[in-house]
Amino acid sequence: MDHWIQFVLFLRLSIIAAFQALGTTMLQFQKTAISAEDEAYLHLQREIRLGRYAPGQRLVPDVVASEIGTSRMPVRGALRRLASEGLVEIRANRGAVVRGLNQQEMLEVFEMRSVLEGLAMRNAVLHMNAEHVRRLSSLLDQLEQGSGDYLDWTTAHREFHEYLCAFCQQPRLLRQISELHSVVEPYMRLWAAQPGRVLRVRESHQELIDALQTRDPDKCEAAMRQHVLNTVPALQAFLEQAA
């Protein structure tokens, strides 16, 4: 009887150990799959933002997968995520296509940005001190000079806005703002790169810093709203010309 009890206990322990090992293997596989999809997502998002994938261009999963050394499944998952953010459109006959914006949609995005970034700046000023404002001034110097470690003006401009808005300490709000930036970034790059174009970098962004120094949430929100909307007429004129 004792031998039988020992055998049953041994069998139970062996089964438990086997299930634990299987669970660990499945968890590791799941993590690998998730990281592969994240890698595909970040690659596609970056290429769209930088304008390397143009509006209307097809995104073939096999081709994208070969570019980053993964399989089709993570790429398909990444494309679905980008479609939910408005960067990609899934069409019945053509598959995934980089989504473009018409003028009305562009206006809508900037109006949304003005409201959301206005709210972010309104709440951010409550968590900022003099050192943070000095850091913004330093970012503005680098933005104006086009120097530093930045890839280009558009990247530096986005970093300025993201640094400021991050002090609102509202992750959901910041995610929405980031998605809107990504949608318009390819157009901002083309617009900013026009030959002979003069950007009102110092004046327009100094107005934001001046508003922060008042520590008045109402003034901060109003300044950011106006700042974002001021871009619309020039950008729309550029889109008309490009069309």
C-alpha atoms as a PDB file:
ATOM      1  CA  MET A   1       0.000   0.000   0.000  1.00  0.00           C
ATOM      2  CA  ASP A   2       2.808   2.434   0.918  1.00  0.00           C
ATOM      3  CA  HIS A   3       4.455   1.800  -2.443  1.00  0.00           C
ATOM      4  CA  TRP A   4       1.134   2.499  -4.202  1.00  0.00           C
ATOM      5  CA  ILE A   5       0.644   5.796  -2.333  1.00  0.00           C
ATOM      6  CA  GLN A   6       4.187   6.853  -3.183  1.00  0.00           C
ATOM      7  CA  PHE A   7       3.574   5.992  -6.831  1.00  0.00           C
ATOM      8  CA  VAL A   8       0.340   8.056  -6.942  1.00  0.00           C
ATOM      9  CA  LEU A   9       2.055  11.034  -5.291  1.00  0.00           C
ATOM     10  CA  PHE A  10       4.955  10.783  -7.739  1.00  0.00           C
ATOM     11  CA  LEU A  11       2.528  10.647 -10.664  1.00  0.00           C
ATOM     12  CA  ARG A  12       0.611  13.712  -9.444  1.00  0.00           C
ATOM     13  CA  LEU A  13       3.788  15.713  -8.948  1.00  0.00           C
ATOM     14  CA  SER A  14       5.009  14.737 -12.421  1.00  0.00           C
ATOM     15  CA  ILE A  15       1.723  15.869 -14.007  1.00  0.00           C
ATOM     16  CA  ILE A  16       1.820  19.208 -12.126  1.00  0.00           C
ATOM     17  CA  ALA A  17       5.423  19.800 -13.206  1.00  0.00           C
ATOM     18  CA  ALA A  18       4.557  19.000 -16.816  1.00  0.00           C
ATOM     19  CA  PHE A  19       1.654  21.492 -16.828  1.00  0.00           C
ATOM     20  CA  GLN A  20       3.843  24.162 -15.232  1.00  0.00           C
ATOM     21  CA  ALA A  21       6.497  23.654 -17.918  1.00  0.00           C
ATOM     22  CA  LEU A  22       3.839  23.816 -20.633  1.00  0.00           C
ATOM     23  CA  GLY A  23       2.454  27.035 -19.147  1.00  0.00           C
ATOM     24  CA  THR A  24       5.908  28.609 -19.099  1.00  0.00           C
ATOM     25  CA  THR A  25       6.478  27.636 -22.735  1.00  0.00           C
ATOM     26  CA  MET A  26       3.100  29.076 -23.802  1.00  0.00           C
ATOM     27  CA  LEU A  27       3.790  32.310 -21.911  1.00  0.00           C
ATOM     28  CA  GLN A  28       7.179  32.670 -23.582  1.00  0.00           C
ATOM     29  CA  PHE A  29       5.594  32.025 -26.984  1.00  0.00           C
ATOM     30  CA  GLN A  30       2.913  34.628 -26.267  1.00  0.00           C
ATOM     31  CA  LYS A  31       5.528  37.218 -25.281  1.00  0.00           C
ATOM     32  CA  THR A  32       7.487  36.504 -28.478  1.00  0.00           C
ATOM     33  CA  ALA A  33       4.357  36.906 -30.608  1.00  0.00           C
ATOM     34  CA  ILE A  34       3.453  40.170 -28.890  1.00  0.00           C
ATOM     35  CA  SER A  35       6.954  41.591 -29.260  1.00  0.00           C
ATOM     36  CA  ALA A  36       7.021  40.667 -32.965  1.00  0.00           C
ATOM     37  CA  GLU A  37       3.727  42.487 -33.526  1.00  0.00           C
ATOM     38  CA  ASP A  38       4.991  45.512 -31.602  1.00  0.00           C
ATOM     39  CA  GLU A  39       8.133  45.548 -33.728  1.00  0.00           C
ATOM     40  CA  ALA A  40       6.053  45.437 -36.921  1.00  0.00           C
ATOM     41  CA  TYR A  41       3.738  48.140 -35.583  1.00  0.00           C
ATOM     42  CA  LEU A  42       6.595  50.502 -34.693  1.00  0.00           C
ATOM     43  CA  HIS A  43       8.297  49.917 -38.040  1.00  0.00           C
ATOM     44  CA  LEU A  44       5.146  50.636 -40.051  1.00  0.00           C
ATOM     45  CA  GLN A  45       4.174  53.639 -37.943  1.00  0.00           C
ATOM     46  CA  ARG A  46       7.653  55.153 -38.292  1.00  0.00           C
ATOM     47  CA  GLU A  47       7.773  54.654 -42.068  1.00  0.00           C
ATOM     48  CA  ILE A  48       4.315  56.218 -42.506  1.00  0.00           C
ATOM     49  CA  ARG A  49       5.174  59.173 -40.244  1.00  0.00           C
ATOM     50  CA  LEU A  50       8.408  59.821 -42.133  1.00  0.00           C
ATOM     51  CA  GLY A  51       6.552  59.731 -45.445  1.00  0.00           C
ATOM     52  CA  ARG A  52       8.431  56.685 -46.752  1.00  0.00           C
ATOM     53  CA  TYR A  53       5.085  54.941 -47.242  1.00  0.00           C
ATOM     54  CA  ALA A  54       3.011  57.437 -49.226  1.00  0.00           C
ATOM     55  CA  PRO A  55      -0.793  57.860 -49.031  1.00  0.00           C
ATOM     56  CA  GLY A  56      -2.469  55.257 -51.246  1.00  0.00           C
ATOM     57  CA  GLN A  57       0.520  52.896 -51.164  1.00  0.00           C
ATOM     58  CA  ARG A  58      -0.260  49.219 -50.586  1.00  0.00           C
ATOM     59  CA  LEU A  59       1.285  47.554 -47.562  1.00  0.00           C
ATOM     60  CA  VAL A  60       1.798  43.882 -48.466  1.00  0.00           C
ATOM     61  CA  PRO A  61       2.314  41.769 -45.320  1.00  0.00           C
ATOM     62  CA  ASP A  62       4.853  39.467 -47.011  1.00  0.00           C
ATOM     63  CA  VAL A  63       6.961  42.416 -48.162  1.00  0.00           C
ATOM     64  CA  VAL A  64       6.842  44.194 -44.790  1.00  0.00           C
ATOM     65  CA  ALA A  65       7.628  40.916 -43.004  1.00  0.00           C
ATOM     66  CA  SER A  66      10.740  40.408 -45.144  1.00  0.00           C
ATOM     67  CA  GLU A  67      11.884  43.974 -44.419  1.00  0.00           C
ATOM     68  CA  ILE A  68      11.971  43.403 -40.665  1.00  0.00           C
ATOM     69  CA  GLY A  69      12.655  39.649 -40.605  1.00  0.00           C
ATOM     70  CA  THR A  70       9.410  38.343 -39.182  1.00  0.00           C
ATOM     71  CA  SER A  71       6.340  36.405 -40.344  1.00  0.00           C
ATOM     72  CA  ARG A  72       3.095  37.676 -41.855  1.00  0.00           C
ATOM     73  CA  MET A  73       0.926  37.199 -38.756  1.00  0.00           C
ATOM     74  CA  PRO A  74       2.547  39.920 -36.578  1.00  0.00           C
ATOM     75  CA  VAL A  75       2.433  42.306 -39.559  1.00  0.00           C
ATOM     76  CA  ARG A  76      -1.275  41.676 -40.061  1.00  0.00           C
ATOM     77  CA  GLY A  77      -1.899  42.390 -36.381  1.00  0.00           C
ATOM     78  CA  ALA A  78       0.123  45.602 -36.652  1.00  0.00           C
ATOM     79  CA  LEU A  79      -1.867  46.692 -39.713  1.00  0.00           C
ATOM     80  CA  ARG A  80      -5.135  46.216 -37.824  1.00  0.00           C
ATOM     81  CA  ARG A  81      -3.816  48.407 -34.999  1.00  0.00           C
ATOM     82  CA  LEU A  82      -2.758  51.112 -37.438  1.00  0.00           C
ATOM     83  CA  ALA A  83      -6.172  50.947 -39.103  1.00  0.00           C
ATOM     84  CA  SER A  84      -7.829  51.617 -35.740  1.00  0.00           C
ATOM     85  CA  GLU A  85      -5.608  54.724 -35.399  1.00  0.00           C
ATOM     86  CA  GLY A  86      -6.497  56.042 -38.858  1.00  0.00           C
ATOM     87  CA  LEU A  87      -3.060  55.578 -40.438  1.00  0.00           C
ATOM     88  CA  VAL A  88      -4.044  52.584 -42.568  1.00  0.00           C
ATOM     89  CA  GLU A  89      -7.206  51.594 -44.400  1.00  0.00           C
ATOM     90  CA  ILE A  90      -8.111  47.922 -44.893  1.00  0.00           C
ATOM     91  CA  ARG A  91      -9.802  47.541 -48.298  1.00  0.00           C
ATOM     92  CA  ALA A  92     -11.616  44.443 -49.500  1.00  0.00           C
ATOM     93  CA  ASN A  93      -9.868  44.194 -52.856  1.00  0.00           C
ATOM     94  CA  ARG A  94      -6.511  45.882 -52.197  1.00  0.00           C
ATOM     95  CA  GLY A  95      -5.696  44.854 -48.651  1.00  0.00           C
ATOM     96  CA  ALA A  96      -3.955  47.427 -46.424  1.00  0.00           C
ATOM     97  CA  VAL A  97      -3.345  50.879 -47.895  1.00  0.00           C
ATOM     98  CA  VAL A  98      -1.731  53.963 -46.332  1.00  0.00           C
ATOM     99  CA  ARG A  99      -4.572  56.328 -45.596  1.00  0.00           C
ATOM    100  CA  GLY A 100      -4.428  59.915 -46.836  1.00  0.00           C
ATOM    101  CA  LEU A 101      -6.321  62.964 -45.591  1.00  0.00           C
ATOM    102  CA  ASN A 102      -8.412  65.395 -47.579  1.00  0.00           C
ATOM    103  CA  GLN A 103      -8.677  69.036 -46.529  1.00  0.00           C
ATOM    104  CA  GLN A 104     -11.796  68.544 -44.426  1.00  0.00           C
ATOM    105  CA  GLU A 105     -10.231  65.634 -42.565  1.00  0.00           C
ATOM    106  CA  MET A 106      -7.046  67.637 -42.046  1.00  0.00           C
ATOM    107  CA  LEU A 107      -9.060  70.475 -40.514  1.00  0.00           C
ATOM    108  CA  GLU A 108     -10.848  68.003 -38.262  1.00  0.00           C
ATOM    109  CA  VAL A 109      -7.549  66.583 -36.990  1.00  0.00           C
ATOM    110  CA  PHE A 110      -6.174  70.038 -36.197  1.00  0.00           C
ATOM    111  CA  GLU A 111      -9.387  71.082 -34.455  1.00  0.00           C
ATOM    112  CA  MET A 112      -9.189  67.939 -32.325  1.00  0.00           C
ATOM    113  CA  ARG A 113      -5.523  68.598 -31.616  1.00  0.00           C
ATOM    114  CA  SER A 114      -6.268  72.170 -30.546  1.00  0.00           C
ATOM    115  CA  VAL A 115      -8.847  71.009 -28.002  1.00  0.00           C
ATOM    116  CA  LEU A 116      -6.848  68.067 -26.648  1.00  0.00           C
ATOM    117  CA  GLU A 117      -3.484  69.847 -26.491  1.00  0.00           C
ATOM    118  CA  GLY A 118      -5.196  72.869 -24.995  1.00  0.00           C
ATOM    119  CA  LEU A 119      -6.538  70.631 -22.222  1.00  0.00           C
ATOM    120  CA  ALA A 120      -3.125  69.011 -21.795  1.00  0.00           C
ATOM    121  CA  MET A 121      -1.380  72.392 -21.420  1.00  0.00           C
ATOM    122  CA  ARG A 122      -4.082  73.614 -19.050  1.00  0.00           C
ATOM    123  CA  ASN A 123      -3.361  70.684 -16.737  1.00  0.00           C
ATOM    124  CA  ALA A 124       0.383  70.586 -17.425  1.00  0.00           C
ATOM    125  CA  VAL A 125       1.046  74.067 -16.047  1.00  0.00           C
ATOM    126  CA  LEU A 126      -0.095  72.869 -12.614  1.00  0.00           C
ATOM    127  CA  HIS A 127       2.825  70.391 -12.523  1.00  0.00           C
ATOM    128  CA  MET A 128       5.575  72.512 -14.079  1.00  0.00           C
ATOM    129  CA  ASN A 129       8.249  74.580 -12.365  1.00  0.00           C
ATOM    130  CA  ALA A 130      10.790  77.137 -13.545  1.00  0.00           C
ATOM    131  CA  GLU A 131      13.314  74.460 -14.513  1.00  0.00           C
ATOM    132  CA  HIS A 132      10.780  72.768 -16.810  1.00  0.00           C
ATOM    133  CA  VAL A 133      10.039  76.079 -18.526  1.00  0.00           C
ATOM    134  CA  ARG A 134      13.783  76.673 -18.987  1.00  0.00           C
ATOM    135  CA  ARG A 135      14.039  73.248 -20.600  1.00  0.00           C
ATOM    136  CA  LEU A 136      11.291  74.255 -23.022  1.00  0.00           C
ATOM    137  CA  SER A 137      13.205  77.426 -23.857  1.00  0.00           C
ATOM    138  CA  SER A 138      16.272  75.299 -24.566  1.00  0.00           C
ATOM    139  CA  LEU A 139      14.237  73.035 -26.844  1.00  0.00           C
ATOM    140  CA  LEU A 140      12.974  76.121 -28.627  1.00  0.00           C
ATOM    141  CA  ASP A 141      16.552  77.342 -29.177  1.00  0.00           C
ATOM    142  CA  GLN A 142      17.478  74.010 -30.729  1.00  0.00           C
ATOM    143  CA  LEU A 143      14.289  73.957 -32.773  1.00  0.00           C
ATOM    144  CA  GLU A 144      14.980  77.406 -34.162  1.00  0.00           C
ATOM    145  CA  GLN A 145      18.623  76.717 -34.935  1.00  0.00           C
ATOM    146  CA  GLY A 146      17.955  73.295 -36.448  1.00  0.00           C
ATOM    147  CA  SER A 147      20.878  71.923 -34.443  1.00  0.00           C
ATOM    148  CA  GLY A 148      21.318  69.339 -31.727  1.00  0.00           C
ATOM    149  CA  ASP A 149      20.510  65.655 -31.962  1.00  0.00           C
ATOM    150  CA  TYR A 150      17.253  66.091 -33.866  1.00  0.00           C
ATOM    151  CA  LEU A 151      16.598  64.309 -37.137  1.00  0.00           C
ATOM    152  CA  ASP A 152      14.768  67.281 -38.627  1.00  0.00           C
ATOM    153  CA  TRP A 153      12.499  70.231 -37.866  1.00  0.00           C
ATOM    154  CA  THR A 154       9.312  68.150 -37.708  1.00  0.00           C
ATOM    155  CA  THR A 155      10.813  65.719 -35.204  1.00  0.00           C
ATOM    156  CA  ALA A 156      12.084  68.581 -33.049  1.00  0.00           C
ATOM    157  CA  HIS A 157       8.715  70.331 -33.229  1.00  0.00           C
ATOM    158  CA  ARG A 158       6.897  67.211 -32.092  1.00  0.00           C
ATOM    159  CA  GLU A 159       9.365  66.707 -29.235  1.00  0.00           C
ATOM    160  CA  PHE A 160       8.699  70.259 -28.008  1.00  0.00           C
ATOM    161  CA  HIS A 161       4.947  69.625 -27.904  1.00  0.00           C
ATOM    162  CA  GLU A 162       5.276  66.173 -26.345  1.00  0.00           C
ATOM    163  CA  TYR A 163       7.606  67.424 -23.603  1.00  0.00           C
ATOM    164  CA  LEU A 164       5.172  70.205 -22.699  1.00  0.00           C
ATOM    165  CA  CYS A 165       2.007  68.094 -22.812  1.00  0.00           C
ATOM    166  CA  ALA A 166       3.552  65.219 -20.836  1.00  0.00           C
ATOM    167  CA  PHE A 167       3.268  67.256 -17.625  1.00  0.00           C
ATOM    168  CA  CYS A 168      -0.522  66.906 -17.734  1.00  0.00           C
ATOM    169  CA  GLN A 169       0.064  63.372 -16.351  1.00  0.00           C
ATOM    170  CA  GLN A 170      -2.932  61.957 -18.243  1.00  0.00           C
ATOM    171  CA  PRO A 171      -1.818  58.887 -20.247  1.00  0.00           C
ATOM    172  CA  ARG A 172      -5.074  58.417 -22.183  1.00  0.00           C
ATOM    173  CA  LEU A 173      -5.089  62.045 -23.272  1.00  0.00           C
ATOM    174  CA  LEU A 174      -1.448  61.824 -24.334  1.00  0.00           C
ATOM    175  CA  ARG A 175      -2.111  58.693 -26.399  1.00  0.00           C
ATOM    176  CA  GLN A 176      -4.890  60.465 -28.284  1.00  0.00           C
ATOM    177  CA  ILE A 177      -2.641  63.457 -28.956  1.00  0.00           C
ATOM    178  CA  SER A 178       0.188  61.200 -30.145  1.00  0.00           C
ATOM    179  CA  GLU A 179      -2.107  59.409 -32.601  1.00  0.00           C
ATOM    180  CA  LEU A 180      -3.273  62.722 -34.066  1.00  0.00           C
ATOM    181  CA  HIS A 181       0.328  63.887 -34.475  1.00  0.00           C
ATOM    182  CA  SER A 182       1.169  60.678 -36.339  1.00  0.00           C
ATOM    183  CA  VAL A 183      -1.760  61.129 -38.731  1.00  0.00           C
ATOM    184  CA  VAL A 184      -0.647  64.608 -39.879  1.00  0.00           C
ATOM    185  CA  GLU A 185       3.122  64.213 -39.551  1.00  0.00           C
ATOM    186  CA  PRO A 186       3.769  63.169 -43.200  1.00  0.00           C
ATOM    187  CA  TYR A 187       1.985  66.326 -44.386  1.00  0.00           C
ATOM    188  CA  MET A 188       3.799  68.486 -41.838  1.00  0.00           C
ATOM    189  CA  ARG A 189       7.124  67.184 -43.170  1.00  0.00           C
ATOM    190  CA  LEU A 190       6.263  68.059 -46.760  1.00  0.00           C
ATOM    191  CA  TRP A 191       4.930  71.464 -45.738  1.00  0.00           C
ATOM    192  CA  ALA A 192       7.956  72.345 -43.590  1.00  0.00           C
ATOM    193  CA  ALA A 193      10.386  71.216 -46.294  1.00  0.00           C
ATOM    194  CA  GLN A 194       9.109  73.638 -48.941  1.00  0.00           C
ATOM    195  CA  PRO A 195      12.018  75.543 -50.564  1.00  0.00           C
ATOM    196  CA  GLY A 196      12.294  79.091 -49.235  1.00  0.00           C
ATOM    197  CA  ARG A 197       9.673  78.530 -46.554  1.00  0.00           C
ATOM    198  CA  VAL A 198      10.185  80.648 -43.413  1.00  0.00           C
ATOM    199  CA  LEU A 199       8.848  79.069 -40.226  1.00  0.00           C
ATOM    200  CA  ARG A 200       7.625  81.310 -37.374  1.00  0.00           C
ATOM    201  CA  VAL A 201       9.342  79.082 -34.869  1.00  0.00           C
ATOM    202  CA  ARG A 202      10.520  81.550 -32.238  1.00  0.00           C
ATOM    203  CA  GLU A 203       7.487  83.818 -32.148  1.00  0.00           C
ATOM    204  CA  SER A 204       4.783  81.159 -32.246  1.00  0.00           C
ATOM    205  CA  HIS A 205       6.342  78.892 -29.607  1.00  0.00           C
ATOM    206  CA  GLN A 206       7.489  81.725 -27.355  1.00  0.00           C
ATOM    207  CA  GLU A 207       3.807  82.588 -26.951  1.00  0.00           C
ATOM    208  CA  LEU A 208       3.306  79.170 -25.341  1.00  0.00           C
ATOM    209  CA  ILE A 209       6.230  79.682 -22.970  1.00  0.00           C
ATOM    210  CA  ASP A 210       4.950  83.148 -22.044  1.00  0.00           C
ATOM    211  CA  ALA A 211       1.545  81.657 -21.236  1.00  0.00           C
ATOM    212  CA  LEU A 212       3.153  79.006 -19.012  1.00  0.00           C
ATOM    213  CA  GLN A 213       5.017  81.683 -17.079  1.00  0.00           C
ATOM    214  CA  THR A 214       1.694  83.274 -16.076  1.00  0.00           C
ATOM    215  CA  ARG A 215       0.681  79.940 -14.475  1.00  0.00           C
ATOM    216  CA  ASP A 216      -2.884  80.752 -15.510  1.00  0.00           C
ATOM    217  CA  PRO A 217      -4.614  77.560 -16.803  1.00  0.00           C
ATOM    218  CA  ASP A 218      -7.148  79.544 -18.864  1.00  0.00           C
ATOM    219  CA  LYS A 219      -4.426  81.509 -20.658  1.00  0.00           C
ATOM    220  CA  CYS A 220      -2.397  78.347 -21.226  1.00  0.00           C
ATOM    221  CA  GLU A 221      -5.322  76.492 -22.770  1.00  0.00           C
ATOM    222  CA  ALA A 222      -6.256  79.430 -25.014  1.00  0.00           C
ATOM    223  CA  ALA A 223      -2.647  79.916 -26.159  1.00  0.00           C
ATOM    224  CA  MET A 224      -2.235  76.271 -27.173  1.00  0.00           C
ATOM    225  CA  ARG A 225      -5.570  76.144 -28.964  1.00  0.00           C
ATOM    226  CA  GLN A 226      -4.715  79.191 -31.038  1.00  0.00           C
ATOM    227  CA  HIS A 227      -1.177  77.956 -31.658  1.00  0.00           C
ATOM    228  CA  VAL A 228      -2.396  74.689 -33.196  1.00  0.00           C
ATOM    229  CA  LEU A 229      -5.115  76.307 -35.296  1.00  0.00           C
ATOM    230  CA  ASN A 230      -2.707  78.933 -36.677  1.00  0.00           C
ATOM    231  CA  THR A 231      -1.089  76.181 -38.754  1.00  0.00           C
ATOM    232  CA  VAL A 232      -4.269  75.278 -40.631  1.00  0.00           C
ATOM    233  CA  PRO A 233      -4.529  78.053 -43.293  1.00  0.00           C
ATOM    234  CA  ALA A 234      -0.945  77.670 -44.506  1.00  0.00           C
ATOM    235  CA  LEU A 235      -1.129  73.871 -44.486  1.00  0.00           C
ATOM    236  CA  GLN A 236      -4.430  73.828 -46.373  1.00  0.00           C
ATOM    237  CA  ALA A 237      -3.021  76.254 -48.970  1.00  0.00           C
ATOM    238  CA  PHE A 238      -0.054  73.918 -49.423  1.00  0.00           C
ATOM    239  CA  LEU A 239      -2.354  70.902 -49.889  1.00  0.00           C
ATOM    240  CA  GLU A 240      -4.369  72.787 -52.526  1.00  0.00           C
ATOM    241  CA  GLN A 241      -1.179  73.662 -54.359  1.00  0.00           C
ATOM    242  CA  ALA A 242       0.163  70.104 -54.129  1.00  0.00           C
ATOM    243  CA  ALA A 243      -3.126  68.654 -55.425  1.00  0.00           C
END
